[in-house]
Amino acid sequence: MPAIPVVYPRTRTPVRLSTRTAATVTFADLGMSDAWAKEGIVWVAKTNSWMLDFASNPDGTYDFRPDAIERRKYFARSVVRAFAPDEEPDPTIVFDDLDASSPWYRYAAVATDHGWLTAANGAFDPDGAVTMAMVHRALVLALGLAPAAKALNNITRETA
C-alpha cells in the first residue's frame, strides 16, 4: 500500500521535451478550485511528456483543460501509461467495437484486463465519456487500495 500522505518523488529525472524544459511547465487554466491537485498535476507534467497533449500557448503556458470531457480511449491510455506502461495485452481479449489493429486496442485491453475499466456486452465504447466514478475505480484498483475502499464501504454510522 502507498504511504499516506502521498509524497511525490523528487529523484526521477524529468523528461526533456524538445524546446520546452520540464522546469518550465505552467498550466494557464488551473485556478483556485484546482489548487488541491495543482502540485500533483504539475509534478506529473514535469516528469511525463504525455501530460502535454496540447501545443503551448503564445506565452509558453499550457492548457490542462480540467473541465473537458475525457473519452474512454484516452483515459485507458493514461492509466496504462501510468500503471502498466510495458504490459502487452492479452490477445484473447476481443471487443465488438475496437479492432486489435487499432492503436487504442492495447490500452483498452490492458485496462479492462486489470479491471480498471469495463467492457459492457463485449463493447469497450472508446469514444464514450469517462465519469468520475470510473476514474475513482481505476485509481483505487491501480494503486492497490481495493481493501481500503471495501473497508470504508463497510463503515456504518450508529444511530442513537
N, C-alpha and C. Protein backbone atom coordinates (compact mmCIF):
# COMPACT_ATOMS: atom_id res chain seq x y z
N MET A 1 0.83 -1.19 0.00
CA MET A 1 0.00 0.00 0.00
C MET A 1 0.88 1.25 0.00
N PRO A 2 0.47 2.28 -0.73
CA PRO A 2 1.27 3.50 -0.73
C PRO A 2 1.20 4.20 0.62
N ALA A 3 2.26 4.93 0.92
CA ALA A 3 2.29 5.68 2.17
C ALA A 3 1.26 6.80 2.13
N ILE A 4 0.66 7.08 3.25
CA ILE A 4 -0.30 8.18 3.37
C ILE A 4 0.31 9.18 4.34
N PRO A 5 0.43 10.45 4.05
CA PRO A 5 0.02 11.07 2.80
C PRO A 5 0.96 10.72 1.66
N VAL A 6 0.44 10.86 0.43
CA VAL A 6 1.25 10.58 -0.74
C VAL A 6 2.34 11.63 -0.85
N VAL A 7 3.55 11.19 -1.04
CA VAL A 7 4.69 12.10 -1.21
C VAL A 7 5.18 11.93 -2.63
N TYR A 8 5.27 13.03 -3.36
CA TYR A 8 5.72 12.97 -4.73
C TYR A 8 7.22 12.77 -4.78
N PRO A 9 7.69 11.74 -5.51
CA PRO A 9 9.14 11.51 -5.60
C PRO A 9 9.84 12.71 -6.22
N ARG A 10 11.02 13.00 -5.73
CA ARG A 10 11.78 14.13 -6.25
C ARG A 10 13.03 13.68 -7.00
N THR A 11 13.26 12.38 -7.08
CA THR A 11 14.51 11.89 -7.64
C THR A 11 14.42 11.49 -9.10
N ARG A 12 13.25 11.38 -9.66
CA ARG A 12 13.12 10.95 -11.04
C ARG A 12 13.63 12.04 -11.98
N THR A 13 14.39 11.66 -12.98
CA THR A 13 14.91 12.62 -13.94
C THR A 13 13.78 13.10 -14.84
N PRO A 14 13.56 14.42 -14.92
CA PRO A 14 12.48 14.92 -15.77
C PRO A 14 12.75 14.64 -17.25
N VAL A 15 11.67 14.41 -17.99
CA VAL A 15 11.77 14.22 -19.43
C VAL A 15 11.95 15.58 -20.07
N ARG A 16 12.90 15.69 -20.98
CA ARG A 16 13.09 16.94 -21.72
C ARG A 16 12.25 16.89 -22.99
N LEU A 17 11.51 17.92 -23.24
CA LEU A 17 10.59 17.95 -24.36
C LEU A 17 11.01 19.01 -25.38
N SER A 18 11.66 18.60 -26.41
CA SER A 18 12.16 19.46 -27.48
C SER A 18 12.63 20.79 -26.92
N THR A 19 11.97 21.90 -27.27
CA THR A 19 12.41 23.21 -26.80
C THR A 19 11.85 23.58 -25.43
N ARG A 20 10.92 22.83 -24.92
CA ARG A 20 10.34 23.14 -23.61
C ARG A 20 11.01 22.26 -22.56
N THR A 21 11.41 22.84 -21.49
CA THR A 21 12.05 22.05 -20.44
C THR A 21 11.04 21.75 -19.35
N ALA A 22 11.27 20.68 -18.66
CA ALA A 22 10.35 20.25 -17.61
C ALA A 22 10.22 21.29 -16.51
N ALA A 23 11.24 22.07 -16.27
CA ALA A 23 11.20 23.06 -15.20
C ALA A 23 10.26 24.22 -15.51
N THR A 24 9.82 24.34 -16.75
CA THR A 24 9.01 25.50 -17.13
C THR A 24 7.53 25.18 -17.40
N VAL A 25 7.08 24.00 -17.03
CA VAL A 25 5.69 23.64 -17.30
C VAL A 25 4.77 24.43 -16.38
N THR A 26 3.90 25.23 -16.99
CA THR A 26 2.91 26.00 -16.26
C THR A 26 1.59 25.88 -17.00
N PHE A 27 0.52 25.60 -16.26
CA PHE A 27 -0.80 25.48 -16.88
C PHE A 27 -1.56 26.78 -16.66
N ALA A 28 -2.04 27.35 -17.77
CA ALA A 28 -2.73 28.64 -17.73
C ALA A 28 -4.15 28.51 -17.16
N ASP A 29 -4.74 27.35 -17.25
CA ASP A 29 -6.15 27.22 -16.90
C ASP A 29 -6.41 26.46 -15.60
N LEU A 30 -5.42 26.33 -14.73
CA LEU A 30 -5.65 25.76 -13.40
C LEU A 30 -5.86 26.91 -12.43
N GLY A 31 -7.05 26.97 -11.87
CA GLY A 31 -7.38 28.07 -10.98
C GLY A 31 -7.44 27.67 -9.53
N MET A 32 -8.05 28.52 -8.72
CA MET A 32 -8.15 28.28 -7.29
C MET A 32 -8.93 27.00 -6.97
N SER A 33 -9.95 26.69 -7.77
CA SER A 33 -10.73 25.48 -7.50
C SER A 33 -9.91 24.21 -7.76
N ASP A 34 -8.82 24.34 -8.49
CA ASP A 34 -7.95 23.20 -8.79
C ASP A 34 -6.71 23.17 -7.89
N ALA A 35 -6.64 24.07 -6.92
CA ALA A 35 -5.43 24.20 -6.09
C ALA A 35 -5.08 22.92 -5.36
N TRP A 36 -6.07 22.16 -4.95
CA TRP A 36 -5.82 20.92 -4.20
C TRP A 36 -5.02 19.92 -5.03
N ALA A 37 -5.14 19.96 -6.35
CA ALA A 37 -4.46 18.98 -7.21
C ALA A 37 -3.31 19.57 -8.00
N LYS A 38 -3.14 20.87 -7.92
CA LYS A 38 -2.18 21.55 -8.79
C LYS A 38 -0.75 21.01 -8.64
N GLU A 39 -0.28 20.80 -7.42
CA GLU A 39 1.08 20.31 -7.23
C GLU A 39 1.28 18.96 -7.90
N GLY A 40 0.31 18.07 -7.76
CA GLY A 40 0.40 16.76 -8.37
C GLY A 40 0.36 16.83 -9.89
N ILE A 41 -0.52 17.67 -10.42
CA ILE A 41 -0.63 17.83 -11.88
C ILE A 41 0.67 18.35 -12.46
N VAL A 42 1.23 19.37 -11.84
CA VAL A 42 2.48 19.96 -12.33
C VAL A 42 3.62 18.96 -12.20
N TRP A 43 3.67 18.21 -11.09
CA TRP A 43 4.75 17.22 -10.93
C TRP A 43 4.69 16.17 -12.04
N VAL A 44 3.49 15.65 -12.31
CA VAL A 44 3.35 14.64 -13.36
C VAL A 44 3.71 15.24 -14.72
N ALA A 45 3.30 16.47 -14.97
CA ALA A 45 3.62 17.10 -16.25
C ALA A 45 5.12 17.32 -16.43
N LYS A 46 5.81 17.59 -15.34
CA LYS A 46 7.26 17.80 -15.41
C LYS A 46 8.02 16.51 -15.67
N THR A 47 7.42 15.38 -15.34
CA THR A 47 8.14 14.12 -15.46
C THR A 47 7.59 13.20 -16.55
N ASN A 48 6.52 13.61 -17.22
CA ASN A 48 5.93 12.77 -18.25
C ASN A 48 5.49 13.61 -19.45
N SER A 49 6.08 13.34 -20.59
CA SER A 49 5.77 14.12 -21.79
C SER A 49 4.32 13.97 -22.22
N TRP A 50 3.67 12.86 -21.87
CA TRP A 50 2.29 12.65 -22.30
C TRP A 50 1.30 13.56 -21.60
N MET A 51 1.74 14.31 -20.61
CA MET A 51 0.83 15.26 -19.94
C MET A 51 0.65 16.53 -20.77
N LEU A 52 1.50 16.75 -21.75
CA LEU A 52 1.42 17.96 -22.55
C LEU A 52 0.81 17.62 -23.91
N ASP A 53 -0.48 17.29 -23.88
CA ASP A 53 -1.18 16.87 -25.10
C ASP A 53 -1.40 18.02 -26.08
N PHE A 54 -1.43 19.23 -25.60
CA PHE A 54 -1.78 20.36 -26.44
C PHE A 54 -0.57 21.25 -26.65
N ALA A 55 -0.55 21.95 -27.79
CA ALA A 55 0.54 22.88 -28.08
C ALA A 55 0.55 23.99 -27.03
N SER A 56 1.72 24.55 -26.81
CA SER A 56 1.82 25.62 -25.82
C SER A 56 1.12 26.88 -26.31
N ASN A 57 0.71 27.70 -25.38
CA ASN A 57 0.11 29.00 -25.68
C ASN A 57 1.23 29.96 -26.08
N PRO A 58 0.91 31.10 -26.68
CA PRO A 58 1.94 32.07 -27.08
C PRO A 58 2.84 32.51 -25.91
N ASP A 59 2.31 32.50 -24.68
CA ASP A 59 3.11 32.93 -23.53
C ASP A 59 3.93 31.79 -22.92
N GLY A 60 3.90 30.59 -23.55
CA GLY A 60 4.69 29.47 -23.06
C GLY A 60 3.97 28.58 -22.06
N THR A 61 2.76 28.95 -21.65
CA THR A 61 1.99 28.11 -20.75
C THR A 61 1.23 27.06 -21.56
N TYR A 62 0.65 26.10 -20.85
CA TYR A 62 -0.12 25.04 -21.50
C TYR A 62 -1.53 25.03 -20.93
N ASP A 63 -2.45 24.47 -21.68
CA ASP A 63 -3.80 24.26 -21.18
C ASP A 63 -3.93 22.84 -20.66
N PHE A 64 -4.43 22.69 -19.45
CA PHE A 64 -4.67 21.39 -18.86
C PHE A 64 -6.08 20.93 -19.18
N ARG A 65 -7.01 21.87 -19.30
CA ARG A 65 -8.41 21.62 -19.63
C ARG A 65 -9.09 20.73 -18.59
N PRO A 66 -9.13 21.17 -17.33
CA PRO A 66 -9.68 20.33 -16.26
C PRO A 66 -11.17 20.05 -16.39
N ASP A 67 -11.90 20.84 -17.17
CA ASP A 67 -13.33 20.62 -17.30
C ASP A 67 -13.71 19.89 -18.59
N ALA A 68 -12.73 19.48 -19.37
CA ALA A 68 -13.00 18.77 -20.62
C ALA A 68 -13.57 17.38 -20.32
N ILE A 69 -14.46 16.92 -21.18
CA ILE A 69 -15.00 15.57 -21.07
C ILE A 69 -13.94 14.62 -21.62
N GLU A 70 -13.51 13.69 -20.81
CA GLU A 70 -12.49 12.73 -21.23
C GLU A 70 -13.15 11.53 -21.90
N ARG A 71 -12.54 11.04 -22.94
CA ARG A 71 -13.02 9.85 -23.66
C ARG A 71 -12.35 8.61 -23.08
N ARG A 72 -13.05 7.49 -23.13
CA ARG A 72 -12.56 6.24 -22.54
C ARG A 72 -11.22 5.81 -23.13
N LYS A 73 -11.03 5.99 -24.43
CA LYS A 73 -9.77 5.56 -25.05
C LYS A 73 -8.59 6.37 -24.49
N TYR A 74 -8.79 7.66 -24.26
CA TYR A 74 -7.72 8.49 -23.71
C TYR A 74 -7.45 8.16 -22.24
N PHE A 75 -8.52 7.90 -21.50
CA PHE A 75 -8.33 7.55 -20.09
C PHE A 75 -7.63 6.19 -19.97
N ALA A 76 -8.03 5.23 -20.82
CA ALA A 76 -7.36 3.93 -20.81
C ALA A 76 -5.87 4.11 -21.11
N ARG A 77 -5.55 4.95 -22.08
CA ARG A 77 -4.14 5.20 -22.40
C ARG A 77 -3.42 5.79 -21.19
N SER A 78 -4.05 6.71 -20.51
CA SER A 78 -3.42 7.35 -19.35
C SER A 78 -3.14 6.37 -18.22
N VAL A 79 -4.14 5.56 -17.85
CA VAL A 79 -3.91 4.65 -16.73
C VAL A 79 -2.91 3.55 -17.09
N VAL A 80 -2.92 3.10 -18.33
CA VAL A 80 -1.95 2.09 -18.73
C VAL A 80 -0.54 2.68 -18.75
N ARG A 81 -0.39 3.87 -19.30
CA ARG A 81 0.93 4.51 -19.31
C ARG A 81 1.44 4.77 -17.89
N ALA A 82 0.53 5.08 -16.99
CA ALA A 82 0.93 5.38 -15.61
C ALA A 82 1.21 4.13 -14.79
N PHE A 83 0.41 3.07 -14.96
CA PHE A 83 0.48 1.93 -14.05
C PHE A 83 0.95 0.61 -14.69
N ALA A 84 0.94 0.53 -16.01
CA ALA A 84 1.39 -0.70 -16.67
C ALA A 84 1.99 -0.36 -18.04
N PRO A 85 2.98 0.52 -18.06
CA PRO A 85 3.48 1.04 -19.34
C PRO A 85 4.09 0.00 -20.28
N ASP A 86 4.63 -1.07 -19.75
CA ASP A 86 5.29 -2.06 -20.59
C ASP A 86 4.47 -3.33 -20.80
N GLU A 87 3.27 -3.35 -20.26
CA GLU A 87 2.45 -4.56 -20.35
C GLU A 87 1.84 -4.72 -21.73
N GLU A 88 1.94 -5.92 -22.25
CA GLU A 88 1.32 -6.25 -23.53
C GLU A 88 -0.09 -6.79 -23.27
N PRO A 89 -1.02 -6.56 -24.20
CA PRO A 89 -2.39 -7.03 -23.99
C PRO A 89 -2.52 -8.53 -24.17
N ASP A 90 -3.50 -9.08 -23.50
CA ASP A 90 -3.86 -10.48 -23.67
C ASP A 90 -4.58 -10.57 -25.03
N PRO A 91 -4.04 -11.30 -26.00
CA PRO A 91 -4.65 -11.34 -27.34
C PRO A 91 -6.02 -12.01 -27.38
N THR A 92 -6.40 -12.65 -26.30
CA THR A 92 -7.74 -13.27 -26.29
C THR A 92 -8.84 -12.26 -25.95
N ILE A 93 -8.44 -11.05 -25.54
CA ILE A 93 -9.44 -10.02 -25.24
C ILE A 93 -9.92 -9.44 -26.56
N VAL A 94 -11.24 -9.51 -26.77
CA VAL A 94 -11.84 -9.06 -28.02
C VAL A 94 -12.96 -8.07 -27.68
N PHE A 95 -13.01 -7.00 -28.47
CA PHE A 95 -14.07 -6.01 -28.32
C PHE A 95 -14.88 -5.95 -29.61
N ASP A 96 -16.18 -5.81 -29.50
CA ASP A 96 -17.03 -5.69 -30.69
C ASP A 96 -16.80 -4.38 -31.43
N ASP A 97 -16.35 -3.36 -30.71
CA ASP A 97 -16.25 -2.03 -31.30
C ASP A 97 -14.82 -1.49 -31.36
N LEU A 98 -13.83 -2.36 -31.16
CA LEU A 98 -12.44 -1.90 -31.18
C LEU A 98 -11.57 -3.05 -31.67
N ASP A 99 -11.11 -2.93 -32.91
CA ASP A 99 -10.30 -3.97 -33.53
C ASP A 99 -8.90 -4.01 -32.94
N ALA A 100 -8.31 -5.20 -32.91
CA ALA A 100 -6.96 -5.37 -32.38
C ALA A 100 -5.91 -4.58 -33.15
N SER A 101 -6.21 -4.16 -34.36
CA SER A 101 -5.27 -3.36 -35.15
C SER A 101 -5.33 -1.87 -34.80
N SER A 102 -6.29 -1.48 -34.00
CA SER A 102 -6.42 -0.07 -33.60
C SER A 102 -5.31 0.31 -32.62
N PRO A 103 -4.80 1.54 -32.72
CA PRO A 103 -3.79 1.98 -31.74
C PRO A 103 -4.36 2.05 -30.32
N TRP A 104 -5.66 2.05 -30.15
CA TRP A 104 -6.30 2.13 -28.84
C TRP A 104 -6.52 0.76 -28.22
N TYR A 105 -6.41 -0.30 -29.02
CA TYR A 105 -6.70 -1.64 -28.53
C TYR A 105 -5.82 -2.01 -27.33
N ARG A 106 -4.52 -1.81 -27.44
CA ARG A 106 -3.61 -2.20 -26.35
C ARG A 106 -4.05 -1.59 -25.03
N TYR A 107 -4.33 -0.31 -25.04
CA TYR A 107 -4.72 0.39 -23.80
C TYR A 107 -6.05 -0.14 -23.26
N ALA A 108 -7.01 -0.33 -24.16
CA ALA A 108 -8.32 -0.84 -23.73
C ALA A 108 -8.19 -2.25 -23.16
N ALA A 109 -7.42 -3.10 -23.83
CA ALA A 109 -7.28 -4.49 -23.39
C ALA A 109 -6.57 -4.57 -22.05
N VAL A 110 -5.50 -3.82 -21.87
CA VAL A 110 -4.77 -3.86 -20.59
C VAL A 110 -5.64 -3.28 -19.48
N ALA A 111 -6.31 -2.17 -19.74
CA ALA A 111 -7.15 -1.53 -18.71
C ALA A 111 -8.31 -2.43 -18.30
N THR A 112 -8.94 -3.10 -19.26
CA THR A 112 -10.05 -3.99 -18.89
C THR A 112 -9.53 -5.27 -18.24
N ASP A 113 -8.38 -5.75 -18.66
CA ASP A 113 -7.80 -6.95 -18.06
C ASP A 113 -7.53 -6.73 -16.56
N HIS A 114 -7.11 -5.53 -16.20
CA HIS A 114 -6.86 -5.19 -14.80
C HIS A 114 -8.14 -4.82 -14.05
N GLY A 115 -9.23 -4.61 -14.78
CA GLY A 115 -10.48 -4.20 -14.15
C GLY A 115 -10.56 -2.70 -13.93
N TRP A 116 -9.59 -1.95 -14.46
CA TRP A 116 -9.60 -0.50 -14.29
C TRP A 116 -10.75 0.13 -15.06
N LEU A 117 -11.08 -0.44 -16.21
CA LEU A 117 -12.25 -0.05 -16.99
C LEU A 117 -13.00 -1.33 -17.34
N THR A 118 -14.25 -1.20 -17.73
CA THR A 118 -15.05 -2.37 -18.05
C THR A 118 -15.48 -2.32 -19.51
N ALA A 119 -15.89 -3.45 -20.02
CA ALA A 119 -16.44 -3.56 -21.37
C ALA A 119 -17.81 -4.21 -21.24
N ALA A 120 -18.84 -3.44 -21.46
CA ALA A 120 -20.21 -3.94 -21.32
C ALA A 120 -20.63 -4.70 -22.57
N ASN A 121 -21.07 -5.94 -22.39
CA ASN A 121 -21.55 -6.77 -23.50
C ASN A 121 -20.54 -6.85 -24.65
N GLY A 122 -19.26 -6.89 -24.31
CA GLY A 122 -18.22 -7.04 -25.32
C GLY A 122 -17.80 -5.76 -26.02
N ALA A 123 -18.38 -4.63 -25.62
CA ALA A 123 -18.06 -3.35 -26.26
C ALA A 123 -17.24 -2.48 -25.30
N PHE A 124 -16.14 -1.93 -25.78
CA PHE A 124 -15.33 -1.05 -24.95
C PHE A 124 -15.86 0.38 -24.97
N ASP A 125 -16.49 0.81 -26.04
CA ASP A 125 -17.02 2.18 -26.19
C ASP A 125 -15.89 3.20 -26.08
N PRO A 126 -14.91 3.16 -27.00
CA PRO A 126 -13.72 4.01 -26.89
C PRO A 126 -14.01 5.51 -26.87
N ASP A 127 -15.09 5.93 -27.51
CA ASP A 127 -15.40 7.36 -27.53
C ASP A 127 -16.43 7.76 -26.48
N GLY A 128 -16.81 6.83 -25.62
CA GLY A 128 -17.73 7.14 -24.54
C GLY A 128 -17.06 8.03 -23.49
N ALA A 129 -17.87 8.73 -22.74
CA ALA A 129 -17.36 9.64 -21.72
C ALA A 129 -16.93 8.88 -20.47
N VAL A 130 -15.94 9.40 -19.80
CA VAL A 130 -15.46 8.84 -18.53
C VAL A 130 -16.13 9.60 -17.40
N THR A 131 -16.70 8.88 -16.46
CA THR A 131 -17.31 9.51 -15.30
C THR A 131 -16.30 9.58 -14.16
N MET A 132 -16.59 10.39 -13.18
CA MET A 132 -15.72 10.48 -12.00
C MET A 132 -15.68 9.14 -11.27
N ALA A 133 -16.79 8.42 -11.26
CA ALA A 133 -16.80 7.10 -10.62
C ALA A 133 -15.83 6.15 -11.33
N MET A 134 -15.75 6.22 -12.65
CA MET A 134 -14.80 5.40 -13.40
C MET A 134 -13.36 5.75 -13.04
N VAL A 135 -13.09 7.04 -12.93
CA VAL A 135 -11.74 7.48 -12.56
C VAL A 135 -11.39 6.98 -11.16
N HIS A 136 -12.31 7.15 -10.22
CA HIS A 136 -12.06 6.69 -8.85
C HIS A 136 -11.82 5.19 -8.80
N ARG A 137 -12.64 4.44 -9.50
CA ARG A 137 -12.48 2.98 -9.52
C ARG A 137 -11.11 2.60 -10.06
N ALA A 138 -10.75 3.17 -11.21
CA ALA A 138 -9.47 2.83 -11.84
C ALA A 138 -8.30 3.16 -10.91
N LEU A 139 -8.34 4.31 -10.29
CA LEU A 139 -7.22 4.71 -9.41
C LEU A 139 -7.16 3.86 -8.15
N VAL A 140 -8.30 3.57 -7.57
CA VAL A 140 -8.31 2.72 -6.37
C VAL A 140 -7.72 1.35 -6.69
N LEU A 141 -8.14 0.76 -7.80
CA LEU A 141 -7.63 -0.56 -8.17
C LEU A 141 -6.16 -0.51 -8.57
N ALA A 142 -5.78 0.48 -9.37
CA ALA A 142 -4.39 0.58 -9.83
C ALA A 142 -3.42 0.82 -8.68
N LEU A 143 -3.85 1.53 -7.67
CA LEU A 143 -3.00 1.81 -6.51
C LEU A 143 -3.05 0.71 -5.45
N GLY A 144 -3.83 -0.33 -5.70
CA GLY A 144 -3.91 -1.43 -4.74
C GLY A 144 -4.71 -1.08 -3.50
N LEU A 145 -5.63 -0.16 -3.63
CA LEU A 145 -6.40 0.30 -2.48
C LEU A 145 -7.79 -0.34 -2.38
N ALA A 146 -8.02 -1.41 -3.13
CA ALA A 146 -9.34 -2.06 -3.07
C ALA A 146 -9.70 -2.50 -1.65
N PRO A 147 -8.77 -3.11 -0.87
CA PRO A 147 -9.14 -3.50 0.50
C PRO A 147 -9.54 -2.29 1.36
N ALA A 148 -8.84 -1.18 1.20
CA ALA A 148 -9.19 0.02 1.97
C ALA A 148 -10.54 0.56 1.55
N ALA A 149 -10.82 0.57 0.24
CA ALA A 149 -12.12 1.05 -0.23
C ALA A 149 -13.24 0.16 0.26
N LYS A 150 -13.01 -1.16 0.24
CA LYS A 150 -14.03 -2.10 0.75
C LYS A 150 -14.28 -1.86 2.23
N ALA A 151 -13.21 -1.67 2.99
CA ALA A 151 -13.36 -1.41 4.43
C ALA A 151 -14.12 -0.11 4.67
N LEU A 152 -13.83 0.92 3.89
CA LEU A 152 -14.54 2.19 4.04
C LEU A 152 -16.02 2.04 3.69
N ASN A 153 -16.30 1.23 2.68
CA ASN A 153 -17.70 1.00 2.31
C ASN A 153 -18.47 0.28 3.41
N ASN A 154 -17.77 -0.46 4.25
CA ASN A 154 -18.44 -1.20 5.33
C ASN A 154 -18.60 -0.40 6.61
N ILE A 155 -18.10 0.83 6.63
CA ILE A 155 -18.28 1.67 7.82
C ILE A 155 -19.71 2.16 7.83
N THR A 156 -20.35 1.99 8.95
CA THR A 156 -21.72 2.49 9.10
C THR A 156 -21.77 3.43 10.29
N ARG A 157 -22.69 4.32 10.25
CA ARG A 157 -22.86 5.25 11.35
C ARG A 157 -23.93 4.70 12.28
N GLU A 158 -23.57 4.62 13.55
CA GLU A 158 -24.55 4.14 14.52
C GLU A 158 -25.57 5.25 14.79
N THR A 159 -26.79 4.85 14.88
CA THR A 159 -27.83 5.81 15.22
C THR A 159 -28.26 5.59 16.66
N ALA A 160 -28.59 6.65 17.30
CA ALA A 160 -28.98 6.55 18.71
C ALA A 160 -30.40 6.09 18.86
